[in-house]
Every structure is written in structure tokens, then in C-alpha cells.
N, C-alpha and C. Protein backbone atom coordinates (compact mmCIF):
# COMPACT_ATOMS: atom_id res chain seq x y z
N MET A 1 0.84 -1.20 0.00
CA MET A 1 0.00 0.00 0.00
C MET A 1 0.88 1.26 0.00
N MET A 2 0.58 2.16 -0.91
CA MET A 2 1.35 3.39 -0.98
C MET A 2 0.65 4.48 -0.17
N THR A 3 1.40 5.14 0.68
CA THR A 3 0.79 6.21 1.46
C THR A 3 1.08 7.55 0.81
N LYS A 4 0.11 8.43 0.91
CA LYS A 4 0.26 9.78 0.37
C LYS A 4 1.07 10.63 1.32
N LYS A 5 1.86 11.54 0.77
CA LYS A 5 2.61 12.46 1.61
C LYS A 5 1.64 13.45 2.23
N LEU A 6 1.76 13.62 3.53
CA LEU A 6 0.94 14.60 4.25
C LEU A 6 1.86 15.67 4.80
N TYR A 7 1.37 16.90 4.80
CA TYR A 7 2.17 18.04 5.23
C TYR A 7 1.57 18.66 6.49
N THR A 8 2.44 19.09 7.38
CA THR A 8 1.99 19.77 8.60
C THR A 8 1.58 21.20 8.27
N THR A 9 0.92 21.83 9.21
CA THR A 9 0.52 23.22 9.03
C THR A 9 1.74 24.10 8.75
N LEU A 10 2.80 23.92 9.50
CA LEU A 10 4.00 24.74 9.31
C LEU A 10 4.59 24.55 7.91
N GLU A 11 4.65 23.31 7.44
CA GLU A 11 5.16 23.06 6.09
C GLU A 11 4.29 23.76 5.05
N VAL A 12 2.99 23.72 5.25
CA VAL A 12 2.06 24.34 4.30
C VAL A 12 2.22 25.86 4.31
N LEU A 13 2.35 26.45 5.50
CA LEU A 13 2.52 27.90 5.60
C LEU A 13 3.76 28.35 4.84
N ARG A 14 4.82 27.57 4.95
CA ARG A 14 6.07 27.91 4.25
C ARG A 14 5.93 27.74 2.74
N ARG A 15 5.27 26.68 2.32
CA ARG A 15 5.09 26.43 0.88
C ARG A 15 4.19 27.47 0.22
N VAL A 16 3.09 27.79 0.88
CA VAL A 16 2.10 28.69 0.29
C VAL A 16 2.45 30.16 0.55
N LYS A 17 3.33 30.37 1.53
CA LYS A 17 3.78 31.73 1.90
C LYS A 17 2.62 32.59 2.40
N ILE A 18 1.92 32.06 3.40
CA ILE A 18 0.88 32.82 4.08
C ILE A 18 1.10 32.69 5.58
N ALA A 19 0.49 33.59 6.33
CA ALA A 19 0.59 33.58 7.79
C ALA A 19 -0.39 32.56 8.37
N ARG A 20 -0.08 32.05 9.53
CA ARG A 20 -0.94 31.09 10.23
C ARG A 20 -2.35 31.68 10.43
N ASN A 21 -2.43 32.95 10.83
CA ASN A 21 -3.73 33.58 11.04
C ASN A 21 -4.55 33.63 9.75
N THR A 22 -3.87 33.84 8.63
CA THR A 22 -4.55 33.87 7.34
C THR A 22 -5.15 32.50 7.03
N LEU A 23 -4.36 31.46 7.22
CA LEU A 23 -4.85 30.10 6.98
C LEU A 23 -6.06 29.80 7.84
N TYR A 24 -5.97 30.10 9.12
CA TYR A 24 -7.08 29.82 10.04
C TYR A 24 -8.33 30.63 9.67
N LYS A 25 -8.13 31.86 9.23
CA LYS A 25 -9.27 32.70 8.83
C LYS A 25 -9.96 32.10 7.60
N TRP A 26 -9.18 31.67 6.61
CA TRP A 26 -9.75 31.08 5.40
C TRP A 26 -10.51 29.81 5.74
N LEU A 27 -9.98 29.00 6.65
CA LEU A 27 -10.66 27.77 7.07
C LEU A 27 -11.96 28.11 7.80
N ARG A 28 -11.87 29.03 8.74
CA ARG A 28 -13.03 29.42 9.56
C ARG A 28 -14.15 29.98 8.70
N GLU A 29 -13.79 30.78 7.69
CA GLU A 29 -14.78 31.43 6.83
C GLU A 29 -15.25 30.53 5.68
N GLY A 30 -14.69 29.32 5.59
CA GLY A 30 -15.09 28.40 4.53
C GLY A 30 -14.54 28.75 3.16
N LYS A 31 -13.51 29.59 3.12
CA LYS A 31 -12.90 29.96 1.83
C LYS A 31 -12.19 28.76 1.23
N ILE A 32 -11.65 27.91 2.10
CA ILE A 32 -11.03 26.65 1.69
C ILE A 32 -11.62 25.56 2.57
N PRO A 33 -11.71 24.33 2.05
CA PRO A 33 -12.32 23.26 2.84
C PRO A 33 -11.43 22.82 4.00
N GLU A 34 -12.05 22.39 5.07
CA GLU A 34 -11.31 21.85 6.22
C GLU A 34 -10.56 20.61 5.77
N VAL A 35 -9.43 20.33 6.42
CA VAL A 35 -8.57 19.22 6.02
C VAL A 35 -8.59 18.12 7.07
N TYR A 36 -7.99 17.01 6.72
CA TYR A 36 -7.89 15.85 7.61
C TYR A 36 -7.16 16.23 8.90
N ARG A 37 -7.59 15.65 10.00
CA ARG A 37 -6.90 15.83 11.28
C ARG A 37 -6.49 14.47 11.81
N ASP A 38 -5.31 14.41 12.41
CA ASP A 38 -4.84 13.15 12.98
C ASP A 38 -5.45 12.92 14.36
N ARG A 39 -5.04 11.87 15.03
CA ARG A 39 -5.67 11.53 16.32
C ARG A 39 -5.38 12.55 17.41
N ASN A 40 -4.36 13.40 17.21
CA ASN A 40 -4.07 14.49 18.14
C ASN A 40 -4.77 15.79 17.76
N ASN A 41 -5.61 15.72 16.72
CA ASN A 41 -6.37 16.86 16.20
C ASN A 41 -5.51 17.87 15.46
N PHE A 42 -4.31 17.45 15.03
CA PHE A 42 -3.47 18.33 14.21
C PHE A 42 -3.91 18.20 12.77
N ARG A 43 -3.91 19.32 12.06
CA ARG A 43 -4.27 19.29 10.64
C ARG A 43 -3.13 18.68 9.84
N LEU A 44 -3.50 17.86 8.86
CA LEU A 44 -2.54 17.29 7.92
C LEU A 44 -3.07 17.55 6.52
N PHE A 45 -2.23 18.10 5.67
CA PHE A 45 -2.61 18.55 4.34
C PHE A 45 -2.07 17.62 3.27
N THR A 46 -2.89 17.31 2.29
CA THR A 46 -2.46 16.53 1.13
C THR A 46 -1.95 17.51 0.06
N PRO A 47 -1.24 17.00 -0.94
CA PRO A 47 -0.86 17.88 -2.06
C PRO A 47 -2.08 18.57 -2.69
N SER A 48 -3.20 17.86 -2.74
CA SER A 48 -4.43 18.45 -3.29
C SER A 48 -4.91 19.63 -2.43
N ASP A 49 -4.82 19.49 -1.11
CA ASP A 49 -5.19 20.58 -0.21
C ASP A 49 -4.31 21.81 -0.46
N ILE A 50 -3.03 21.56 -0.68
CA ILE A 50 -2.09 22.67 -0.93
C ILE A 50 -2.45 23.36 -2.24
N GLN A 51 -2.81 22.59 -3.26
CA GLN A 51 -3.21 23.18 -4.54
C GLN A 51 -4.45 24.07 -4.37
N LYS A 52 -5.40 23.62 -3.56
CA LYS A 52 -6.61 24.43 -3.30
C LYS A 52 -6.24 25.74 -2.61
N LEU A 53 -5.31 25.67 -1.68
CA LEU A 53 -4.84 26.88 -1.00
C LEU A 53 -4.19 27.84 -1.98
N LEU A 54 -3.33 27.31 -2.83
CA LEU A 54 -2.63 28.16 -3.80
C LEU A 54 -3.62 28.79 -4.80
N ARG A 55 -4.61 27.99 -5.24
CA ARG A 55 -5.61 28.55 -6.16
C ARG A 55 -6.38 29.68 -5.51
N TYR A 56 -6.78 29.50 -4.25
CA TYR A 56 -7.51 30.56 -3.57
C TYR A 56 -6.63 31.79 -3.38
N LYS A 57 -5.40 31.58 -2.94
CA LYS A 57 -4.47 32.70 -2.75
C LYS A 57 -4.29 33.48 -4.05
N ASN A 58 -4.09 32.77 -5.16
CA ASN A 58 -3.89 33.44 -6.45
C ASN A 58 -5.15 34.10 -6.96
N MET A 59 -6.30 33.58 -6.56
CA MET A 59 -7.57 34.17 -6.98
C MET A 59 -7.77 35.54 -6.30
N ILE A 60 -7.41 35.64 -5.02
CA ILE A 60 -7.66 36.90 -4.32
C ILE A 60 -6.53 37.90 -4.50
N ARG A 61 -5.34 37.41 -4.88
CA ARG A 61 -4.20 38.32 -5.07
C ARG A 61 -3.43 37.86 -6.28
N ARG A 62 -3.91 38.30 -7.45
CA ARG A 62 -3.34 37.87 -8.72
C ARG A 62 -1.88 38.31 -8.82
N PRO A 63 -1.01 37.39 -9.21
CA PRO A 63 0.40 37.76 -9.37
C PRO A 63 0.56 38.84 -10.45
N VAL A 64 1.51 39.72 -10.27
CA VAL A 64 1.79 40.77 -11.25
C VAL A 64 2.59 40.13 -12.38
N LEU A 65 2.11 40.31 -13.61
CA LEU A 65 2.80 39.75 -14.76
C LEU A 65 4.00 40.61 -15.11
N SER A 66 5.02 39.98 -15.72
CA SER A 66 6.27 40.69 -15.99
C SER A 66 6.06 41.91 -16.89
N HIS A 67 5.18 41.81 -17.89
CA HIS A 67 4.97 42.97 -18.77
C HIS A 67 4.25 44.11 -18.03
N GLU A 68 3.43 43.79 -17.02
CA GLU A 68 2.78 44.83 -16.21
C GLU A 68 3.81 45.51 -15.33
N ARG A 69 4.75 44.74 -14.81
CA ARG A 69 5.78 45.28 -13.93
C ARG A 69 6.63 46.29 -14.71
N GLU A 70 6.98 45.94 -15.97
CA GLU A 70 7.79 46.81 -16.81
C GLU A 70 7.06 48.12 -17.12
N SER A 71 5.76 48.03 -17.43
CA SER A 71 5.02 49.25 -17.76
C SER A 71 4.87 50.15 -16.53
N ASN A 72 4.80 49.56 -15.34
CA ASN A 72 4.71 50.37 -14.12
C ASN A 72 6.02 51.09 -13.83
N ASN A 73 7.13 50.53 -14.25
CA ASN A 73 8.44 51.16 -14.00
C ASN A 73 8.71 52.31 -14.94
N HIS A 74 7.98 52.40 -16.04
CA HIS A 74 8.25 53.45 -17.02
C HIS A 74 7.23 54.58 -16.96
N GLY A 75 6.54 54.69 -15.82
CA GLY A 75 5.48 55.69 -15.78
C GLY A 75 5.82 56.74 -14.87
């Protein structure tokens, strides 16, 4: 049986580059679905959970495209 890699909250915060309070707020407000918890009630995230976080983060704060950055520097 192959087990899926699970990530801790700290690992996810570092990968997604958001603050702990931001993650908890998004979970509390239902912006992202709640994730699996282990027997100690710690959250464990799958790669799919991380992708959902990244999609939501990019949806609310669209990355600046390189051509937009250049036009802003010449104004």
C-alpha cells in the first residue's frame, strides 16, 4: 500500500507563503475546505489541499505579470 505524503501546518505555511492567522481565517470562513486531522487533532494537508490553498491565494491576489511590472516602472 502506498501512502500519500501529508504536510503539517508549518510546512504548508512555508510552501504557500501565508501567515498562520490567514490560513485559520480562510478555514473558519469556509474559503477553503477543512482538512484531515490526525488523532491528536493536528491538521494534515495533502498535495491536493495545498493546490486548493494556492488557487484561492492566487484568486484573491493575482500575481503581477512581468509585462505589467515593466510598464509600471516606465510611468
